[in-house]
Amino acid sequence: MTDTSPPALPNEPQPSEIERLSLAMREALTDSMVERLSVTGANALEVVDRLNDEETRAAVHSVIDQISELHRIGALQTLFDFIALFHAMRSAATDNIVERLFGFMEHILNTVGTEDMASLADNLRLSMDEAATETAAAPARGGLFSALSLLSKPESQQSLQFLLTFGEKLRAAQSGANGQG
């Protein structure tokens, strides 16, 4: 590469490479480039100024700590995989798919969101709470004769019969559903 710098005067020291590079950059910059550099510099200083705020600095440190923790346990890649999956789902979602999804959700809400289902869930919860309380309060009696005594009670036999019938019906419903699929 040829040297295009003006010849140095005898008493003047030779400019260094940094000085020549600086001069070349100043001469090459256009007004729009200077403007963009000024805006970029101002934005960078604004970010640095915001980092001087105690809450912002604490938030940034917290985010960095959380990212480090996600990386340490291997969840950072999982997070990015989930984001990519979500983006792919969003990109693939057509109007027809969205309409069918909302129709499905409406059907679920109409089925589950009825007064009968709410009453059933509340009765189930109350029954489970009462059974847990009574079972915890009753002393455990061991032995074969106590088990036989328990089985000889009509309400125990009826409860066992109910559970067995319920299990059979559930298995039949599952077999029917699997057979149709």
C-alpha atoms as a PDB file:
ATOM      1  CA  MET A   1       0.000   0.000   0.000  1.00  0.00           C
ATOM      2  CA  THR A   2       1.365   3.377  -0.922  1.00  0.00           C
ATOM      3  CA  ASP A   3       1.762   6.152   1.602  1.00  0.00           C
ATOM      4  CA  THR A   4      -0.600   9.034   0.690  1.00  0.00           C
ATOM      5  CA  SER A   5       0.277  11.216   3.669  1.00  0.00           C
ATOM      6  CA  PRO A   6       1.920  14.515   2.857  1.00  0.00           C
ATOM      7  CA  PRO A   7       5.680  14.573   3.228  1.00  0.00           C
ATOM      8  CA  ALA A   8       6.791  15.582   6.684  1.00  0.00           C
ATOM      9  CA  LEU A   9       8.658  18.810   7.195  1.00  0.00           C
ATOM     10  CA  PRO A  10      12.201  18.396   8.441  1.00  0.00           C
ATOM     11  CA  ASN A  11      11.495  19.796  11.941  1.00  0.00           C
ATOM     12  CA  GLU A  12       8.122  18.113  12.318  1.00  0.00           C
ATOM     13  CA  PRO A  13       7.950  14.604  13.891  1.00  0.00           C
ATOM     14  CA  GLN A  14       6.597  11.771  11.732  1.00  0.00           C
ATOM     15  CA  PRO A  15       2.877  11.033  12.560  1.00  0.00           C
ATOM     16  CA  SER A  16       2.234   7.650  14.144  1.00  0.00           C
ATOM     17  CA  GLU A  17      -0.060   5.044  12.635  1.00  0.00           C
ATOM     18  CA  ILE A  18      -2.787   5.904  15.154  1.00  0.00           C
ATOM     19  CA  GLU A  19      -2.668   9.550  14.165  1.00  0.00           C
ATOM     20  CA  ARG A  20      -2.828   8.655  10.469  1.00  0.00           C
ATOM     21  CA  LEU A  21      -5.745   6.264  11.121  1.00  0.00           C
ATOM     22  CA  SER A  22      -7.575   8.952  13.101  1.00  0.00           C
ATOM     23  CA  LEU A  23      -7.051  11.453  10.300  1.00  0.00           C
ATOM     24  CA  ALA A  24      -8.302   8.978   7.689  1.00  0.00           C
ATOM     25  CA  MET A  25     -11.425   8.250   9.736  1.00  0.00           C
ATOM     26  CA  ARG A  26     -12.191  11.955  10.202  1.00  0.00           C
ATOM     27  CA  GLU A  27     -11.856  12.588   6.510  1.00  0.00           C
ATOM     28  CA  ALA A  28     -14.012   9.562   5.585  1.00  0.00           C
ATOM     29  CA  LEU A  29     -16.918  10.334   7.941  1.00  0.00           C
ATOM     30  CA  THR A  30     -19.970  11.932   6.388  1.00  0.00           C
ATOM     31  CA  ASP A  31     -22.420  14.113   8.277  1.00  0.00           C
ATOM     32  CA  SER A  32     -24.988  11.294   8.490  1.00  0.00           C
ATOM     33  CA  MET A  33     -22.327   8.958   9.909  1.00  0.00           C
ATOM     34  CA  VAL A  34     -21.403  11.527  12.557  1.00  0.00           C
ATOM     35  CA  GLU A  35     -25.069  11.953  13.417  1.00  0.00           C
ATOM     36  CA  ARG A  36     -25.591   8.186  13.804  1.00  0.00           C
ATOM     37  CA  LEU A  37     -22.464   7.883  15.953  1.00  0.00           C
ATOM     38  CA  SER A  38     -23.689  10.739  18.149  1.00  0.00           C
ATOM     39  CA  VAL A  39     -27.121   9.154  18.591  1.00  0.00           C
ATOM     40  CA  THR A  40     -25.554   5.762  19.349  1.00  0.00           C
ATOM     41  CA  GLY A  41     -23.197   7.330  21.872  1.00  0.00           C
ATOM     42  CA  ALA A  42     -26.055   9.215  23.518  1.00  0.00           C
ATOM     43  CA  ASN A  43     -28.122   6.024  23.749  1.00  0.00           C
ATOM     44  CA  ALA A  44     -25.182   4.157  25.283  1.00  0.00           C
ATOM     45  CA  LEU A  45     -24.708   6.910  27.862  1.00  0.00           C
ATOM     46  CA  GLU A  46     -28.439   6.800  28.655  1.00  0.00           C
ATOM     47  CA  VAL A  47     -28.192   3.057  29.341  1.00  0.00           C
ATOM     48  CA  VAL A  48     -25.156   3.610  31.568  1.00  0.00           C
ATOM     49  CA  ASP A  49     -27.022   6.398  33.360  1.00  0.00           C
ATOM     50  CA  ARG A  50     -30.018   4.110  33.957  1.00  0.00           C
ATOM     51  CA  LEU A  51     -27.689   1.501  35.432  1.00  0.00           C
ATOM     52  CA  ASN A  52     -26.723   4.041  38.109  1.00  0.00           C
ATOM     53  CA  ASP A  53     -30.277   3.772  39.490  1.00  0.00           C
ATOM     54  CA  GLU A  54     -30.223   1.340  42.450  1.00  0.00           C
ATOM     55  CA  GLU A  55     -33.444  -0.484  41.487  1.00  0.00           C
ATOM     56  CA  THR A  56     -32.381  -0.874  37.858  1.00  0.00           C
ATOM     57  CA  ARG A  57     -28.948  -2.150  38.858  1.00  0.00           C
ATOM     58  CA  ALA A  58     -30.542  -4.644  41.274  1.00  0.00           C
ATOM     59  CA  ALA A  59     -32.947  -5.804  38.570  1.00  0.00           C
ATOM     60  CA  VAL A  60     -30.128  -6.294  36.057  1.00  0.00           C
ATOM     61  CA  HIS A  61     -28.081  -8.248  38.611  1.00  0.00           C
ATOM     62  CA  SER A  62     -31.115 -10.394  39.406  1.00  0.00           C
ATOM     63  CA  VAL A  63     -31.678 -11.164  35.723  1.00  0.00           C
ATOM     64  CA  ILE A  64     -28.022 -12.088  35.280  1.00  0.00           C
ATOM     65  CA  ASP A  65     -28.157 -14.337  38.369  1.00  0.00           C
ATOM     66  CA  GLN A  66     -31.304 -16.049  37.099  1.00  0.00           C
ATOM     67  CA  ILE A  67     -29.808 -16.605  33.641  1.00  0.00           C
ATOM     68  CA  SER A  68     -26.696 -18.068  35.268  1.00  0.00           C
ATOM     69  CA  GLU A  69     -28.854 -20.386  37.376  1.00  0.00           C
ATOM     70  CA  LEU A  70     -30.868 -21.476  34.327  1.00  0.00           C
ATOM     71  CA  HIS A  71     -27.623 -22.224  32.509  1.00  0.00           C
ATOM     72  CA  ARG A  72     -26.178 -24.105  35.497  1.00  0.00           C
ATOM     73  CA  ILE A  73     -29.148 -26.482  35.744  1.00  0.00           C
ATOM     74  CA  GLY A  74     -29.487 -26.860  31.972  1.00  0.00           C
ATOM     75  CA  ALA A  75     -32.830 -25.095  31.759  1.00  0.00           C
ATOM     76  CA  LEU A  76     -31.625 -22.272  29.540  1.00  0.00           C
ATOM     77  CA  GLN A  77     -31.615 -24.530  26.479  1.00  0.00           C
ATOM     78  CA  THR A  78     -35.049 -25.841  27.488  1.00  0.00           C
ATOM     79  CA  LEU A  79     -36.309 -22.269  27.718  1.00  0.00           C
ATOM     80  CA  PHE A  80     -35.030 -21.466  24.237  1.00  0.00           C
ATOM     81  CA  ASP A  81     -36.471 -24.736  22.904  1.00  0.00           C
ATOM     82  CA  PHE A  82     -39.849 -23.766  24.388  1.00  0.00           C
ATOM     83  CA  ILE A  83     -39.636 -20.326  22.810  1.00  0.00           C
ATOM     84  CA  ALA A  84     -38.825 -21.896  19.433  1.00  0.00           C
ATOM     85  CA  LEU A  85     -41.722 -24.341  19.844  1.00  0.00           C
ATOM     86  CA  PHE A  86     -44.108 -21.549  20.798  1.00  0.00           C
ATOM     87  CA  HIS A  87     -42.964 -19.515  17.796  1.00  0.00           C
ATOM     88  CA  ALA A  88     -43.445 -22.497  15.488  1.00  0.00           C
ATOM     89  CA  MET A  89     -46.937 -23.082  16.892  1.00  0.00           C
ATOM     90  CA  ARG A  90     -47.784 -19.432  16.387  1.00  0.00           C
ATOM     91  CA  SER A  91     -46.432 -19.474  12.848  1.00  0.00           C
ATOM     92  CA  ALA A  92     -48.313 -22.678  11.988  1.00  0.00           C
ATOM     93  CA  ALA A  93     -51.619 -21.625  13.534  1.00  0.00           C
ATOM     94  CA  THR A  94     -54.142 -21.033  10.821  1.00  0.00           C
ATOM     95  CA  ASP A  95     -57.535 -19.433  11.331  1.00  0.00           C
ATOM     96  CA  ASN A  96     -59.128 -22.880  11.094  1.00  0.00           C
ATOM     97  CA  ILE A  97     -56.873 -24.291  13.843  1.00  0.00           C
ATOM     98  CA  VAL A  98     -57.519 -21.321  16.129  1.00  0.00           C
ATOM     99  CA  GLU A  99     -61.267 -21.599  15.537  1.00  0.00           C
ATOM    100  CA  ARG A 100     -61.236 -25.335  16.335  1.00  0.00           C
ATOM    101  CA  LEU A 101     -59.136 -24.726  19.473  1.00  0.00           C
ATOM    102  CA  PHE A 102     -61.589 -22.125  20.766  1.00  0.00           C
ATOM    103  CA  GLY A 103     -64.495 -24.442  19.941  1.00  0.00           C
ATOM    104  CA  PHE A 104     -62.826 -27.207  21.950  1.00  0.00           C
ATOM    105  CA  MET A 105     -62.182 -24.880  24.891  1.00  0.00           C
ATOM    106  CA  GLU A 106     -65.799 -23.709  24.793  1.00  0.00           C
ATOM    107  CA  HIS A 107     -66.988 -27.325  24.829  1.00  0.00           C
ATOM    108  CA  ILE A 108     -64.746 -28.138  27.820  1.00  0.00           C
ATOM    109  CA  LEU A 109     -65.917 -25.071  29.734  1.00  0.00           C
ATOM    110  CA  ASN A 110     -69.556 -25.841  28.997  1.00  0.00           C
ATOM    111  CA  THR A 111     -69.091 -29.429  30.164  1.00  0.00           C
ATOM    112  CA  VAL A 112     -66.980 -28.817  33.246  1.00  0.00           C
ATOM    113  CA  GLY A 113     -68.325 -25.408  34.150  1.00  0.00           C
ATOM    114  CA  THR A 114     -71.833 -26.560  35.032  1.00  0.00           C
ATOM    115  CA  GLU A 115     -73.475 -26.321  38.434  1.00  0.00           C
ATOM    116  CA  ASP A 116     -73.667 -30.131  38.615  1.00  0.00           C
ATOM    117  CA  MET A 117     -69.896 -30.480  38.143  1.00  0.00           C
ATOM    118  CA  ALA A 118     -69.215 -27.781  40.730  1.00  0.00           C
ATOM    119  CA  SER A 119     -71.535 -29.512  43.190  1.00  0.00           C
ATOM    120  CA  LEU A 120     -69.889 -32.875  42.478  1.00  0.00           C
ATOM    121  CA  ALA A 121     -66.409 -31.442  43.022  1.00  0.00           C
ATOM    122  CA  ASP A 122     -67.481 -29.750  46.253  1.00  0.00           C
ATOM    123  CA  ASN A 123     -69.126 -32.944  47.566  1.00  0.00           C
ATOM    124  CA  LEU A 124     -66.023 -34.933  46.648  1.00  0.00           C
ATOM    125  CA  ARG A 125     -63.778 -32.472  48.455  1.00  0.00           C
ATOM    126  CA  LEU A 126     -65.958 -32.452  51.574  1.00  0.00           C
ATOM    127  CA  SER A 127     -66.172 -36.239  51.627  1.00  0.00           C
ATOM    128  CA  MET A 128     -62.410 -36.605  51.265  1.00  0.00           C
ATOM    129  CA  ASP A 129     -61.799 -34.084  54.074  1.00  0.00           C
ATOM    130  CA  GLU A 130     -64.256 -35.794  56.428  1.00  0.00           C
ATOM    131  CA  ALA A 131     -62.885 -39.264  55.636  1.00  0.00           C
ATOM    132  CA  ALA A 132     -59.313 -38.110  56.227  1.00  0.00           C
ATOM    133  CA  THR A 133     -60.280 -36.496  59.548  1.00  0.00           C
ATOM    134  CA  GLU A 134     -62.207 -39.549  60.774  1.00  0.00           C
ATOM    135  CA  THR A 135     -59.488 -41.972  59.680  1.00  0.00           C
ATOM    136  CA  ALA A 136     -56.779 -39.924  61.395  1.00  0.00           C
ATOM    137  CA  ALA A 137     -58.823 -39.729  64.613  1.00  0.00           C
ATOM    138  CA  ALA A 138     -59.661 -43.450  64.787  1.00  0.00           C
ATOM    139  CA  PRO A 139     -56.999 -45.602  66.420  1.00  0.00           C
ATOM    140  CA  ALA A 140     -55.595 -48.276  64.153  1.00  0.00           C
ATOM    141  CA  ARG A 141     -56.589 -51.750  65.291  1.00  0.00           C
ATOM    142  CA  GLY A 142     -54.430 -54.479  63.935  1.00  0.00           C
ATOM    143  CA  GLY A 143     -54.961 -58.126  63.408  1.00  0.00           C
ATOM    144  CA  LEU A 144     -57.004 -60.467  61.325  1.00  0.00           C
ATOM    145  CA  PHE A 145     -60.048 -60.371  63.611  1.00  0.00           C
ATOM    146  CA  SER A 146     -60.329 -56.571  63.399  1.00  0.00           C
ATOM    147  CA  ALA A 147     -60.207 -56.821  59.606  1.00  0.00           C
ATOM    148  CA  LEU A 148     -62.920 -59.487  59.691  1.00  0.00           C
ATOM    149  CA  SER A 149     -64.947 -57.337  62.081  1.00  0.00           C
ATOM    150  CA  LEU A 150     -64.643 -54.398  59.693  1.00  0.00           C
ATOM    151  CA  LEU A 151     -65.669 -56.552  56.708  1.00  0.00           C
ATOM    152  CA  SER A 152     -68.687 -57.888  58.587  1.00  0.00           C
ATOM    153  CA  LYS A 153     -70.243 -54.406  58.802  1.00  0.00           C
ATOM    154  CA  PRO A 154     -72.898 -53.810  56.085  1.00  0.00           C
ATOM    155  CA  GLU A 155     -71.668 -50.268  55.319  1.00  0.00           C
ATOM    156  CA  SER A 156     -68.122 -51.615  54.753  1.00  0.00           C
ATOM    157  CA  GLN A 157     -69.427 -54.304  52.423  1.00  0.00           C
ATOM    158  CA  GLN A 158     -71.531 -51.740  50.565  1.00  0.00           C
ATOM    159  CA  SER A 159     -68.531 -49.378  50.231  1.00  0.00           C
ATOM    160  CA  LEU A 160     -66.313 -52.184  48.918  1.00  0.00           C
ATOM    161  CA  GLN A 161     -69.047 -53.267  46.484  1.00  0.00           C
ATOM    162  CA  PHE A 162     -69.368 -49.667  45.272  1.00  0.00           C
ATOM    163  CA  LEU A 163     -65.601 -49.342  44.726  1.00  0.00           C
ATOM    164  CA  LEU A 164     -65.427 -52.675  42.884  1.00  0.00           C
ATOM    165  CA  THR A 165     -68.392 -51.765  40.654  1.00  0.00           C
ATOM    166  CA  PHE A 166     -66.942 -48.323  40.014  1.00  0.00           C
ATOM    167  CA  GLY A 167     -63.600 -49.876  39.020  1.00  0.00           C
ATOM    168  CA  GLU A 168     -65.321 -52.335  36.670  1.00  0.00           C
ATOM    169  CA  LYS A 169     -67.336 -49.568  34.999  1.00  0.00           C
ATOM    170  CA  LEU A 170     -64.255 -47.386  34.655  1.00  0.00           C
ATOM    171  CA  ARG A 171     -62.283 -50.257  33.101  1.00  0.00           C
ATOM    172  CA  ALA A 172     -65.166 -51.003  30.710  1.00  0.00           C
ATOM    173  CA  ALA A 173     -65.369 -47.336  29.700  1.00  0.00           C
ATOM    174  CA  GLN A 174     -61.602 -47.269  29.097  1.00  0.00           C
ATOM    175  CA  SER A 175     -61.716 -50.492  27.068  1.00  0.00           C
ATOM    176  CA  GLY A 176     -64.599 -49.104  25.013  1.00  0.00           C
ATOM    177  CA  ALA A 177     -62.753 -45.838  24.416  1.00  0.00           C
ATOM    178  CA  ASN A 178     -59.551 -47.658  23.442  1.00  0.00           C
ATOM    179  CA  GLY A 179     -61.442 -50.064  21.204  1.00  0.00           C
ATOM    180  CA  GLN A 180     -63.097 -47.202  19.307  1.00  0.00           C
ATOM    181  CA  GLY A 181     -59.857 -45.181  18.856  1.00  0.00           C
END
